[in-house]
Amino acid sequence: MTLGDLDPAALVSARAIPAETPGVAIVASQDGQWYRARSFYVAEQIAEHAARTYGHLTPSWDDLTCPEYRGEVTETDIPELQDA
């Protein structure tokens, strides 16, 4: 599905977002509504640095796709995740 399929006005709104405003997007919800959303901007260099710094924490693809993988979050993990 594309934005134009959802609502022609959503497509018009998406096209109206200037390139000078990174982090702005039109997003669709499960109920069929669309919204203009904004996230904070992360420069490419900062994202690359984060990937290098924390990449070792990412499970391998084989681990993720194996049936025994349990990506469970425990009660002790929650405060750390909330502060991230």
Foldseek 3Di string as FASTA:
>chain_A
DDPVVLPVVQVVVQVPDDPVQPQWHWDADPVSDIDIDGDDDDDPVRVVVCCVVCVVVDDDPVLVPDPVRDPDDDPVCVVVVVVD
